[in-house]
């Protein structure tokens, strides 16, 4: 059996497209991110002690009034896509990602502004200022390590709006 030049080119093109598609799919991971709160009263806990958790023992408060939920807390190194949705009915939220060294080292938090100093935290990117019900996306190439996803709208991080991501 002999293959004509035209058949060879068609076969090679199909094989190349198939390899490219499978490599892209294998290299990329999608994490669905939900930014949530308990409504208009969520900010009522503001100023009632430190509820940050991250850097204060590494544990979240069990009754957080707002938070971040991810479809997976672990992802392989490489291209990661974050599909972020603000599931709040009343509040603007955002998602910022920063690397962390360990869960006992607090993020650089400015008490005067009630925000994390993103530059000092080494932020890698964000989906900023999502209105209630809106969505956004972020793609990053992540190395092995631990990362924190947090909302940096004033007061939200301190009220428990963060989660950890492990990249293997």
Protein backbone atom coordinates (compact mmCIF):
# COMPACT_ATOMS: atom_id res chain seq x y z
CA UNK A 1 0.00 0.00 0.00
CA UNK A 2 1.36 3.40 -0.89
CA UNK A 3 0.24 6.76 0.43
CA UNK A 4 0.02 9.67 -1.93
CA UNK A 5 1.58 13.00 -1.07
CA UNK A 6 -1.88 14.55 -0.59
CA UNK A 7 -2.94 11.73 1.79
CA UNK A 8 0.34 12.06 3.71
CA UNK A 9 -0.16 15.82 4.17
CA UNK A 10 -3.77 15.32 5.31
CA UNK A 11 -2.72 12.58 7.74
CA UNK A 12 0.17 14.66 9.14
CA UNK A 13 -2.06 17.74 9.52
CA UNK A 14 -4.74 15.75 11.35
CA UNK A 15 -2.16 14.15 13.63
CA UNK A 16 -0.56 17.52 14.43
CA UNK A 17 -3.95 19.09 15.23
CA UNK A 18 -4.85 16.14 17.46
CA UNK A 19 -1.55 16.35 19.37
CA UNK A 20 -1.89 20.12 19.80
CA UNK A 21 -5.45 19.80 21.10
CA UNK A 22 -4.59 17.04 23.58
CA UNK A 23 -1.47 18.88 24.80
CA UNK A 24 -3.45 22.09 25.34
CA UNK A 25 -6.19 20.21 27.21
CA UNK A 26 -3.72 18.27 29.34
CA UNK A 27 -1.65 21.36 30.19
CA UNK A 28 -4.58 23.56 31.16
CA UNK A 29 -6.76 23.19 34.23
CA UNK A 30 -9.93 25.09 35.01
CA UNK A 31 -10.88 26.04 38.55
CA UNK A 32 -14.36 27.40 39.11
CA UNK A 33 -14.33 30.07 41.81
CA UNK A 34 -17.40 31.25 43.71
CA UNK A 35 -17.22 34.54 45.63
CA UNK A 36 -20.01 34.50 48.19
CA UNK A 37 -21.42 36.34 51.17
CA UNK A 38 -24.42 36.12 53.46
CA UNK A 39 -25.99 39.29 52.15
CA UNK A 40 -26.21 42.85 53.38
CA UNK A 41 -25.41 41.91 57.00
CA UNK A 42 -22.09 40.26 56.07
CA UNK A 43 -20.07 43.32 57.06
CA UNK A 44 -21.65 43.49 60.54
CA UNK A 45 -18.75 41.50 62.04
CA UNK A 46 -16.21 44.14 60.88
CA UNK A 47 -13.99 45.25 63.77
CA UNK A 48 -15.03 42.44 66.11
CA UNK A 49 -11.64 40.81 66.51
CA UNK A 50 -9.34 39.20 63.99
CA UNK A 51 -11.10 36.62 61.88
CA UNK A 52 -8.43 36.49 59.18
CA UNK A 53 -7.26 32.98 59.98
CA UNK A 54 -4.50 32.94 57.35
CA UNK A 55 -1.43 33.77 59.36
CA UNK A 56 -3.30 33.41 62.64
CA UNK A 57 -3.11 29.67 62.95
CA UNK A 58 -4.04 28.97 59.34
CA UNK A 59 -7.65 28.10 60.12
CA UNK A 60 -10.80 29.72 58.81
CA UNK A 61 -13.54 30.77 61.16
CA UNK A 62 -16.35 28.19 61.01
CA UNK A 63 -19.07 30.86 60.77
CA UNK A 64 -17.52 33.16 58.18
CA UNK A 65 -19.97 35.65 56.71
CA UNK A 66 -18.25 35.60 53.33
CA UNK A 67 -15.78 33.41 51.53
CA UNK A 68 -14.30 31.90 48.41
CA UNK A 69 -15.22 28.40 47.26
CA UNK A 70 -13.12 26.61 44.62
CA UNK A 71 -13.98 23.53 42.58
CA UNK A 72 -10.55 22.09 43.41
CA UNK A 73 -8.04 23.04 46.11
CA UNK A 74 -5.24 21.19 44.30
CA UNK A 75 -4.10 21.55 40.71
CA UNK A 76 -1.06 20.37 38.73
CA UNK A 77 1.60 22.94 37.86
CA UNK A 78 1.18 24.67 34.52
CA UNK A 79 -1.54 26.71 32.90
CA UNK A 80 -4.49 27.28 35.24
CA UNK A 81 -7.69 29.07 34.24
CA UNK A 82 -9.82 30.61 36.96
CA UNK A 83 -13.50 31.05 36.06
CA UNK A 84 -14.65 33.48 38.75
CA UNK A 85 -18.28 34.26 39.57
CA UNK A 86 -19.54 36.75 42.14
CA UNK A 87 -22.47 34.84 43.65
CA UNK A 88 -23.39 37.74 45.94
CA UNK A 89 -26.72 39.44 45.50
CA UNK A 90 -25.57 42.77 46.97
CA UNK A 91 -21.76 43.15 47.20
CA UNK A 92 -18.89 43.76 44.82
CA UNK A 93 -16.11 41.17 45.25
CA UNK A 94 -12.82 40.35 43.57
CA UNK A 95 -10.32 37.51 43.47
CA UNK A 96 -6.59 38.15 43.90
CA UNK A 97 -3.95 35.40 43.88
CA UNK A 98 -0.64 35.56 45.75
CA UNK A 99 2.00 32.95 46.60
CA UNK A 100 2.44 32.01 50.25
CA UNK A 101 5.48 30.61 52.03
CA UNK A 102 3.62 29.03 54.93
CA UNK A 103 0.25 29.30 56.62
CA UNK A 104 1.76 30.82 59.77
CA UNK A 105 3.13 33.91 58.01
CA UNK A 106 0.39 36.54 57.74
CA UNK A 107 -0.18 38.46 54.56
CA UNK A 108 0.89 42.10 54.81
CA UNK A 109 -2.36 43.64 56.03
CA UNK A 110 -2.94 47.39 56.36
CA UNK A 111 -5.30 47.97 59.30
CA UNK A 112 -5.94 51.58 58.23
CA UNK A 113 -7.36 50.55 54.84
CA UNK A 114 -8.58 47.08 55.90
CA UNK A 115 -6.84 45.62 52.87
CA UNK A 116 -3.93 43.35 52.01
CA UNK A 117 -0.94 45.19 50.54
CA UNK A 118 -1.08 43.36 47.20
CA UNK A 119 2.36 44.50 46.03
CA UNK A 120 4.03 43.34 49.26
CA UNK A 121 2.09 40.06 49.06
CA UNK A 122 3.47 39.46 45.57
CA UNK A 123 0.11 39.29 43.80
CA UNK A 124 0.18 37.43 40.50
CA UNK A 125 -3.10 38.63 39.05
CA UNK A 126 -6.71 39.33 39.81
CA UNK A 127 -10.27 39.48 38.61
CA UNK A 128 -11.20 42.88 39.98
CA UNK A 129 -14.44 44.49 41.10
CA UNK A 130 -17.08 42.02 39.98
CA UNK A 131 -20.59 43.35 40.46
CA UNK A 132 -23.14 40.93 41.97
CA UNK A 133 -23.93 38.08 39.57
CA UNK A 134 -21.07 38.94 37.20
CA UNK A 135 -18.19 36.70 36.09
CA UNK A 136 -14.60 37.11 35.00
CA UNK A 137 -11.60 34.97 34.12
CA UNK A 138 -7.89 34.81 34.78
CA UNK A 139 -5.24 32.53 33.26
CA UNK A 140 -1.88 32.01 34.95
CA UNK A 141 1.01 29.61 34.63
CA UNK A 142 1.63 28.45 38.18
CA UNK A 143 4.66 26.68 39.62
CA UNK A 144 4.55 24.10 42.40
CA UNK A 145 3.73 25.65 45.75
CA UNK A 146 0.93 27.14 47.81
CA UNK A 147 -1.15 30.13 46.86
CA UNK A 148 -3.89 32.15 48.49
CA UNK A 149 -6.97 33.42 46.68
CA UNK A 150 -8.54 36.37 48.48
CA UNK A 151 -10.96 39.23 48.07
CA UNK A 152 -9.26 42.55 48.69
CA UNK A 153 -12.32 44.76 48.88
CA UNK A 154 -11.94 46.64 52.18
CA UNK A 155 -12.66 44.33 55.12
CA UNK A 156 -13.52 41.22 53.10
CA UNK A 157 -10.25 39.32 53.63
CA UNK A 158 -10.43 39.95 57.39
CA UNK A 159 -13.96 38.55 57.44
CA UNK A 160 -12.83 35.21 55.98
CA UNK A 161 -12.92 35.79 52.24
CA UNK A 162 -9.90 33.69 51.27
CA UNK A 163 -8.93 30.12 50.46
CA UNK A 164 -5.73 28.19 49.81
CA UNK A 165 -4.67 26.52 46.56
CA UNK A 166 -1.94 23.88 46.31
CA UNK A 167 -0.10 23.45 43.02
CA UNK A 168 1.64 20.07 42.66
